[in-house]
Amino acid sequence: MHLCVGITLLLLLPTASHAFDWVPTDGEIKKYRQSWNPLSHGPVLLQAVDTQPKGQLSVREFLFSQIGESSFGNRLSIPTDSKNGPVHLYQLSPSINSAYGLTNHIELGGAVSMNSFWATQNGQGTISTGFGDTSLVMKYRPIIQDPGGWRPSLTHYTQVVLPTSRWANAEKPPGGFSPLGRLPSTRFGEYGLTQGLMTRKNLEPIRISAAVFYTYAAPGESGGRNTYTGDVVNTRLIFEHILNDRTGFGYNIEVSTLHGLTWRADGHEVNAGQKNGFTIIGVEPALQWNFSQNWLVAVGCQFTVAGQNAVNAIYPNLSVFWFWDKSGKIVMR
C-alpha cells in the first residue's frame, strides 16, 4: 500500500505543477469549441480523451457483463481454436463513474463498482455477489486538437485502484482480472496504479481515438509470503461515425487489447498469477444516441477475436451518461 501511495504522489505532484505551465491557450480552446464535435456519448470502452470543461460534471452508469465458456491455449489463436474449460464464467459488473472539470485542462474523477458472478472451475461451481474495486482518476490535457491542422488532442491519464472488494471480503472470480475492455485492469482485489496516454482527432463525420495504458499492481501476500503478479498493458483504438449531429446518433467500432506481461516495473520476479503472460484481443460494435443534452446512452457487445492463456468470452454492455453544468448548457468534451 505504501509503495502504491508513494508512486502515486510522485506522479501526481509533478503533473499538477506542470499543468499550469503547459496548457492550451484560450484561443486554441475557443477554436476547438467552435469546430465540428456534436454532443454524443462517445466511446464505450475508453474514458473520453478530451477533458470536461471547467465546472461541468458527468455521472456514468455502466453495466458490463462477461460470458465465457471456453479458453485459449498457450499460443495466440482465434476463437474457433479455443477449448472447452477449465473455467466457465458469467459475470455482471455494474459501476458508477463520475468526472468533474476542475479546470479546462484537468479533470478529476472516481468510480465505485459491484461484481456478481457465477462460475465453474475444474467442475466446481461458485456464485458470489459483492463490492468491486474503487478507482480515483486524474486526467491532464496539455495539448488540444487543432481543427484546421493535423494536431490531435493529447491527454495524460492517472488512475489509482483501491481493493475495496478485498476489504469487503468479496470472493474473487476465477482468473481475478477485470474483463477485457474495462479499466482498471489490475487483478481483482489488488492495489494498482495505471498511467496512460490518450489521443483523439475529429474529422467530420468521423472521430478517431486511441490510448495505451500501463498498469502496475502492488505486491500482494499469500500464505505468509509476498506475491508478485505481472504488470498489464491495455490498448484502445476507436472509430466513431456520427450519422446525426442533432441526436448524437452514430455507430462505433472499438478495438481493445489486454496483455499480461512476464515482468514488473519494480524489477521483482513474477511468482503469482499467469507467469507466462496472456493476451486478449477484442472488437466491439456499438451504437450511441442522446435522449436529451443531459442524458446520453450507448450500447455495445465486445467479441473476443484472438487470445492466449485467457478465457474466450463476449462482453455485452450498456452505458448511460448524465451531464450537469450550472449554465444549463452541456459542452461536448
Protein backbone atom coordinates (compact mmCIF):
# COMPACT_ATOMS: atom_id res chain seq x y z
CA MET A 1 0.00 0.00 0.00
CA HIS A 2 2.77 2.44 0.98
CA LEU A 3 4.59 1.76 -2.29
CA CYS A 4 1.43 2.44 -4.32
CA VAL A 5 0.71 5.68 -2.46
CA GLY A 6 4.31 6.84 -2.80
CA ILE A 7 4.46 6.24 -6.52
CA THR A 8 1.11 7.97 -6.97
CA LEU A 9 2.30 11.10 -5.16
CA LEU A 10 5.48 11.23 -7.21
CA LEU A 11 3.44 11.07 -10.41
CA LEU A 12 0.58 13.33 -9.45
CA LEU A 13 2.52 16.21 -7.92
CA PRO A 14 4.79 16.96 -10.89
CA THR A 15 1.84 16.61 -13.26
CA ALA A 16 -0.24 19.09 -11.25
CA SER A 17 2.58 21.61 -11.09
CA HIS A 18 3.24 21.44 -14.82
CA ALA A 19 -0.47 21.72 -15.63
CA PHE A 20 -0.29 25.49 -15.20
CA ASP A 21 2.83 25.84 -17.34
CA TRP A 22 1.90 23.75 -20.36
CA VAL A 23 -1.75 24.16 -21.31
CA PRO A 24 -3.75 25.10 -24.41
CA THR A 25 -4.32 28.82 -24.87
CA ASP A 26 -7.78 30.37 -24.61
CA GLY A 27 -7.68 30.92 -28.35
CA GLU A 28 -6.96 27.24 -29.04
CA ILE A 29 -9.80 26.17 -26.75
CA LYS A 30 -12.23 28.60 -28.40
CA LYS A 31 -11.24 27.37 -31.86
CA TYR A 32 -11.80 23.76 -30.79
CA ARG A 33 -15.16 24.56 -29.15
CA GLN A 34 -16.40 26.18 -32.37
CA SER A 35 -15.37 23.23 -34.56
CA TRP A 36 -17.38 20.13 -35.51
CA ASN A 37 -17.86 17.99 -32.41
CA PRO A 38 -21.55 17.16 -31.84
CA LEU A 39 -22.75 16.25 -28.35
CA SER A 40 -22.81 12.47 -28.08
CA HIS A 41 -21.87 9.61 -25.75
CA GLY A 42 -18.50 8.87 -27.33
CA PRO A 43 -16.54 5.60 -26.96
CA VAL A 44 -17.92 2.96 -24.59
CA LEU A 45 -14.64 1.24 -23.68
CA LEU A 46 -12.46 4.34 -23.30
CA GLN A 47 -12.63 7.28 -20.94
CA ALA A 48 -13.21 10.38 -23.11
CA VAL A 49 -9.87 11.71 -24.33
CA ASP A 50 -10.70 15.42 -24.08
CA THR A 51 -11.47 16.69 -20.59
CA GLN A 52 -14.67 18.16 -19.16
CA PRO A 53 -14.92 21.95 -19.42
CA LYS A 54 -14.33 23.77 -16.14
CA GLY A 55 -17.29 23.26 -13.78
CA GLN A 56 -19.03 20.56 -15.86
CA LEU A 57 -19.93 17.26 -14.19
CA SER A 58 -20.80 13.86 -15.60
CA VAL A 59 -22.11 10.73 -13.87
CA ARG A 60 -21.98 7.48 -15.80
CA GLU A 61 -23.91 4.30 -15.04
CA PHE A 62 -22.06 1.46 -16.71
CA LEU A 63 -23.39 -2.12 -16.89
CA PHE A 64 -20.69 -4.50 -18.10
CA SER A 65 -21.10 -8.27 -18.42
CA GLN A 66 -18.97 -11.24 -19.42
CA ILE A 67 -19.92 -14.65 -20.80
CA GLY A 68 -17.03 -17.08 -21.22
CA GLU A 69 -17.33 -20.83 -21.79
CA SER A 70 -14.03 -21.76 -23.43
CA SER A 71 -10.34 -20.97 -23.07
CA PHE A 72 -7.35 -20.25 -25.28
CA GLY A 73 -4.16 -22.29 -25.07
CA ASN A 74 -0.57 -21.08 -24.73
CA ARG A 75 -0.32 -19.74 -28.28
CA LEU A 76 -2.21 -16.82 -29.79
CA SER A 77 -5.22 -18.24 -31.65
CA ILE A 78 -8.71 -17.40 -32.87
CA PRO A 79 -11.98 -18.32 -31.07
CA THR A 80 -12.59 -21.45 -33.17
CA ASP A 81 -9.34 -22.87 -31.75
CA SER A 82 -10.40 -22.31 -28.11
CA LYS A 83 -11.21 -25.37 -25.98
CA ASN A 84 -13.99 -26.10 -23.51
CA GLY A 85 -12.92 -25.37 -19.92
CA PRO A 86 -11.43 -25.42 -17.38
CA VAL A 87 -13.23 -22.16 -16.48
CA HIS A 88 -16.81 -21.14 -17.36
CA LEU A 89 -17.51 -17.59 -16.20
CA TYR A 90 -20.71 -15.50 -16.25
CA GLN A 91 -20.18 -12.07 -14.73
CA LEU A 92 -22.16 -8.86 -14.25
CA SER A 93 -20.22 -5.78 -13.15
CA PRO A 94 -22.18 -2.52 -12.70
CA SER A 95 -20.28 0.65 -11.83
CA ILE A 96 -20.90 4.35 -11.31
CA ASN A 97 -18.25 6.71 -12.65
CA SER A 98 -18.09 10.46 -12.11
CA ALA A 99 -15.88 13.14 -13.68
CA TYR A 100 -15.59 16.87 -12.96
CA GLY A 101 -13.75 19.60 -14.86
CA LEU A 102 -11.54 21.20 -12.21
CA THR A 103 -10.09 23.48 -14.89
CA ASN A 104 -10.29 23.42 -18.68
CA HIS A 105 -7.17 21.25 -18.61
CA ILE A 106 -7.60 18.98 -15.52
CA GLU A 107 -10.40 16.53 -14.83
CA LEU A 108 -10.89 14.62 -11.56
CA GLY A 109 -13.00 11.50 -11.28
CA GLY A 110 -13.74 8.31 -9.44
CA ALA A 111 -15.64 5.05 -9.79
CA VAL A 112 -17.29 2.56 -7.46
CA SER A 113 -18.46 -0.86 -8.57
CA MET A 114 -20.19 -4.11 -7.70
CA ASN A 115 -19.42 -7.57 -9.03
CA SER A 116 -21.64 -10.60 -9.37
CA PHE A 117 -20.59 -13.86 -10.99
CA TRP A 118 -21.43 -17.50 -11.46
CA ALA A 119 -18.52 -19.72 -12.42
CA THR A 120 -17.35 -23.29 -12.66
CA GLN A 121 -13.67 -24.09 -12.38
CA ASN A 122 -12.49 -27.67 -12.81
CA GLY A 123 -16.07 -28.82 -12.24
CA GLN A 124 -16.64 -26.85 -9.02
CA GLY A 125 -19.33 -24.15 -9.08
CA THR A 126 -19.21 -20.75 -7.33
CA ILE A 127 -21.84 -18.00 -7.04
CA SER A 128 -20.98 -14.66 -5.45
CA THR A 129 -22.12 -11.03 -5.29
CA GLY A 130 -20.18 -8.27 -3.57
CA PHE A 131 -18.35 -4.97 -3.80
CA GLY A 132 -15.92 -4.41 -6.62
CA ASP A 133 -12.80 -2.26 -6.55
CA THR A 134 -12.76 1.55 -6.38
CA SER A 135 -10.69 3.86 -8.54
CA LEU A 136 -9.59 7.51 -8.42
CA VAL A 137 -8.73 9.19 -11.72
CA MET A 138 -6.99 12.37 -12.84
CA LYS A 139 -6.72 13.47 -16.47
CA TYR A 140 -4.50 16.30 -17.67
CA ARG A 141 -4.75 17.58 -21.26
CA PRO A 142 -1.63 19.57 -22.25
CA ILE A 143 -2.48 19.63 -25.97
CA ILE A 144 -5.87 20.31 -27.58
CA GLN A 145 -6.53 19.38 -31.18
CA ASP A 146 -6.33 21.95 -33.98
CA PRO A 147 -9.47 21.66 -36.14
CA GLY A 148 -7.66 23.25 -39.08
CA GLY A 149 -4.49 21.15 -38.90
CA TRP A 150 -3.11 17.73 -38.15
CA ARG A 151 -2.58 18.17 -34.39
CA PRO A 152 -4.74 15.85 -32.19
CA SER A 153 -5.64 16.21 -28.53
CA LEU A 154 -3.23 14.52 -26.12
CA THR A 155 -4.19 13.64 -22.55
CA HIS A 156 -2.26 12.08 -19.68
CA TYR A 157 -4.25 9.62 -17.55
CA THR A 158 -3.55 8.56 -13.95
CA GLN A 159 -5.65 6.01 -12.06
CA VAL A 160 -5.25 4.61 -8.55
CA VAL A 161 -7.14 1.41 -7.75
CA LEU A 162 -8.19 0.66 -4.18
CA PRO A 163 -9.02 -3.01 -3.38
CA THR A 164 -12.40 -2.37 -1.76
CA SER A 165 -13.54 -5.82 -2.91
CA ARG A 166 -10.89 -7.38 -0.68
CA TRP A 167 -11.73 -5.08 2.22
CA ALA A 168 -15.37 -6.21 1.92
CA ASN A 169 -14.30 -9.88 1.71
CA ALA A 170 -15.80 -10.26 -1.76
CA GLU A 171 -14.91 -13.50 -3.48
CA LYS A 172 -12.58 -13.30 -6.48
CA PRO A 173 -13.85 -14.55 -9.84
CA PRO A 174 -11.61 -17.18 -11.49
CA GLY A 175 -8.62 -15.53 -13.12
CA GLY A 176 -9.00 -12.44 -10.96
CA PHE A 177 -8.72 -9.88 -13.76
CA SER A 178 -11.27 -7.27 -14.71
CA PRO A 179 -12.77 -8.23 -18.08
CA LEU A 180 -11.23 -7.16 -21.38
CA GLY A 181 -12.19 -3.58 -22.19
CA ARG A 182 -12.60 -2.31 -18.62
CA LEU A 183 -10.35 -0.08 -16.58
CA PRO A 184 -8.92 -0.72 -14.00
CA SER A 185 -7.15 -3.73 -15.42
CA THR A 186 -5.45 -4.88 -12.20
CA ARG A 187 -6.20 -8.26 -10.71
CA PHE A 188 -9.42 -8.22 -8.70
CA GLY A 189 -8.77 -7.10 -5.11
CA GLU A 190 -5.30 -5.57 -5.55
CA TYR A 191 -3.85 -2.09 -5.27
CA GLY A 192 -2.94 -0.79 -8.69
CA LEU A 193 -1.54 2.24 -10.44
CA THR A 194 -2.29 2.96 -14.10
CA GLN A 195 -0.55 5.52 -16.28
CA GLY A 196 -1.79 6.21 -19.79
CA LEU A 197 -1.63 8.43 -22.84
CA MET A 198 -4.79 9.12 -24.86
CA THR A 199 -5.28 10.93 -28.16
CA ARG A 200 -8.22 11.99 -30.33
CA LYS A 201 -8.81 13.68 -33.67
CA ASN A 202 -12.15 14.84 -35.13
CA LEU A 203 -12.51 14.57 -38.90
CA GLU A 204 -16.16 15.26 -39.73
CA PRO A 205 -18.16 12.97 -39.63
CA ILE A 206 -15.55 10.66 -38.00
CA ARG A 207 -13.88 10.83 -34.59
CA ILE A 208 -10.76 8.70 -34.03
CA SER A 209 -9.48 7.92 -30.52
CA ALA A 210 -6.55 5.81 -29.32
CA ALA A 211 -4.88 5.08 -25.99
CA VAL A 212 -2.28 2.96 -24.25
CA PHE A 213 -2.29 2.20 -20.51
CA TYR A 214 0.36 0.57 -18.29
CA THR A 215 -0.87 -0.89 -15.02
CA TYR A 216 1.38 -1.76 -12.09
CA ALA A 217 -0.02 -3.96 -9.33
CA ALA A 218 1.43 -3.55 -5.84
CA PRO A 219 2.89 -6.70 -4.22
CA GLY A 220 0.34 -8.97 -2.55
CA GLU A 221 0.54 -11.55 0.21
CA SER A 222 -0.44 -15.21 0.33
CA GLY A 223 0.44 -17.83 2.91
CA GLY A 224 2.87 -15.52 4.65
CA ARG A 225 4.91 -14.71 1.53
CA ASN A 226 4.93 -11.74 -0.83
CA THR A 227 3.33 -12.34 -4.22
CA TYR A 228 4.22 -10.52 -7.41
CA THR A 229 1.97 -10.63 -10.47
CA GLY A 230 2.96 -9.37 -13.92
CA ASP A 231 2.15 -5.84 -14.99
CA VAL A 232 -0.59 -5.26 -17.57
CA VAL A 233 -0.78 -3.22 -20.80
CA ASN A 234 -4.12 -2.08 -22.29
CA THR A 235 -4.58 -0.50 -25.71
CA ARG A 236 -7.61 1.07 -27.42
CA LEU A 237 -8.44 2.19 -30.96
CA ILE A 238 -11.91 3.61 -31.66
CA PHE A 239 -13.67 4.91 -34.76
CA GLU A 240 -16.95 6.81 -34.29
CA HIS A 241 -19.15 7.68 -37.25
CA ILE A 242 -21.77 10.28 -36.27
CA LEU A 243 -24.80 9.95 -38.56
CA ASN A 244 -27.00 12.65 -36.99
CA ASP A 245 -25.39 15.67 -35.32
CA ARG A 246 -28.61 16.76 -33.59
CA THR A 247 -29.37 13.45 -31.83
CA GLY A 248 -25.77 12.28 -31.49
CA PHE A 249 -26.75 9.05 -33.22
CA GLY A 250 -23.89 7.05 -34.65
CA TYR A 251 -22.00 3.79 -34.52
CA ASN A 252 -18.62 2.88 -33.07
CA ILE A 253 -16.03 0.24 -33.89
CA GLU A 254 -13.84 -0.24 -30.81
CA VAL A 255 -10.73 -2.43 -30.69
CA SER A 256 -9.29 -3.37 -27.28
CA THR A 257 -6.29 -5.45 -26.26
CA LEU A 258 -5.16 -6.70 -22.85
CA HIS A 259 -1.63 -8.02 -22.36
CA GLY A 260 -0.36 -9.66 -19.17
CA LEU A 261 3.42 -9.19 -19.01
CA THR A 262 6.04 -11.56 -17.64
CA TRP A 263 7.82 -8.77 -15.77
CA ARG A 264 7.14 -5.94 -13.32
CA ALA A 265 8.17 -2.30 -13.28
CA ASP A 266 9.72 -2.73 -9.79
CA GLY A 267 12.06 -5.49 -11.02
CA HIS A 268 10.64 -8.27 -8.84
CA GLU A 269 10.36 -11.69 -10.43
CA VAL A 270 6.77 -12.71 -11.20
CA ASN A 271 5.81 -15.54 -8.82
CA ALA A 272 1.99 -15.47 -8.92
CA GLY A 273 -0.85 -15.26 -11.40
CA GLN A 274 -0.21 -16.11 -15.04
CA LYS A 275 3.58 -16.31 -15.03
CA ASN A 276 3.74 -16.97 -18.77
CA GLY A 277 1.68 -13.88 -19.58
CA PHE A 278 -1.51 -13.68 -21.60
CA THR A 279 -3.07 -11.75 -24.49
CA ILE A 280 -6.69 -10.97 -25.40
CA ILE A 281 -7.86 -9.01 -28.44
CA GLY A 282 -11.46 -7.88 -28.80
CA VAL A 283 -13.67 -5.87 -31.18
CA GLU A 284 -16.88 -4.11 -30.15
CA PRO A 285 -19.54 -2.67 -32.45
CA ALA A 286 -21.68 -0.14 -30.56
CA LEU A 287 -24.47 2.39 -31.08
CA GLN A 288 -24.76 5.78 -29.37
CA TRP A 289 -27.51 8.38 -29.22
CA ASN A 290 -28.92 11.16 -27.00
CA PHE A 291 -32.18 11.23 -25.08
CA SER A 292 -31.51 14.92 -24.42
CA GLN A 293 -28.49 17.17 -23.89
CA ASN A 294 -28.25 15.80 -20.33
CA TRP A 295 -28.86 12.08 -20.97
CA LEU A 296 -26.65 10.18 -23.43
CA VAL A 297 -26.62 6.42 -23.98
CA ALA A 298 -24.57 3.76 -25.76
CA VAL A 299 -24.96 0.01 -26.10
CA GLY A 300 -22.50 -2.50 -27.49
CA CYS A 301 -21.14 -6.03 -27.36
CA GLN A 302 -17.46 -6.88 -27.46
CA PHE A 303 -16.35 -10.11 -29.10
CA THR A 304 -13.01 -11.81 -28.48
CA VAL A 305 -11.22 -12.27 -31.81
CA ALA A 306 -7.95 -13.76 -30.54
CA GLY A 307 -6.39 -14.85 -27.28
CA GLN A 308 -3.61 -16.65 -25.47
CA ASN A 309 -3.75 -18.15 -21.94
CA ALA A 310 -7.12 -16.47 -21.40
CA VAL A 311 -10.88 -17.04 -21.35
CA ASN A 312 -12.70 -16.73 -24.68
CA ALA A 313 -15.70 -14.50 -23.91
CA ILE A 314 -18.21 -11.99 -25.17
CA TYR A 315 -18.95 -8.77 -23.26
CA PRO A 316 -22.41 -7.15 -23.65
CA ASN A 317 -22.53 -3.67 -22.10
CA LEU A 318 -24.74 -0.63 -21.61
CA SER A 319 -23.62 2.90 -20.69
CA VAL A 320 -25.70 5.94 -19.70
CA PHE A 321 -24.25 9.43 -19.12
CA TRP A 322 -25.89 12.24 -17.16
CA PHE A 323 -24.30 15.67 -17.58
CA TRP A 324 -24.68 18.80 -15.46
CA ASP A 325 -23.42 22.35 -15.84
CA LYS A 326 -24.61 25.38 -13.86
CA SER A 327 -25.09 27.30 -17.12
CA GLY A 328 -27.69 24.71 -18.18
CA LYS A 329 -25.88 24.08 -21.47
CA ILE A 330 -23.71 20.97 -21.85
CA VAL A 331 -20.48 21.33 -23.81
CA MET A 332 -19.06 18.32 -25.64
CA ARG A 333 -15.68 17.20 -24.30
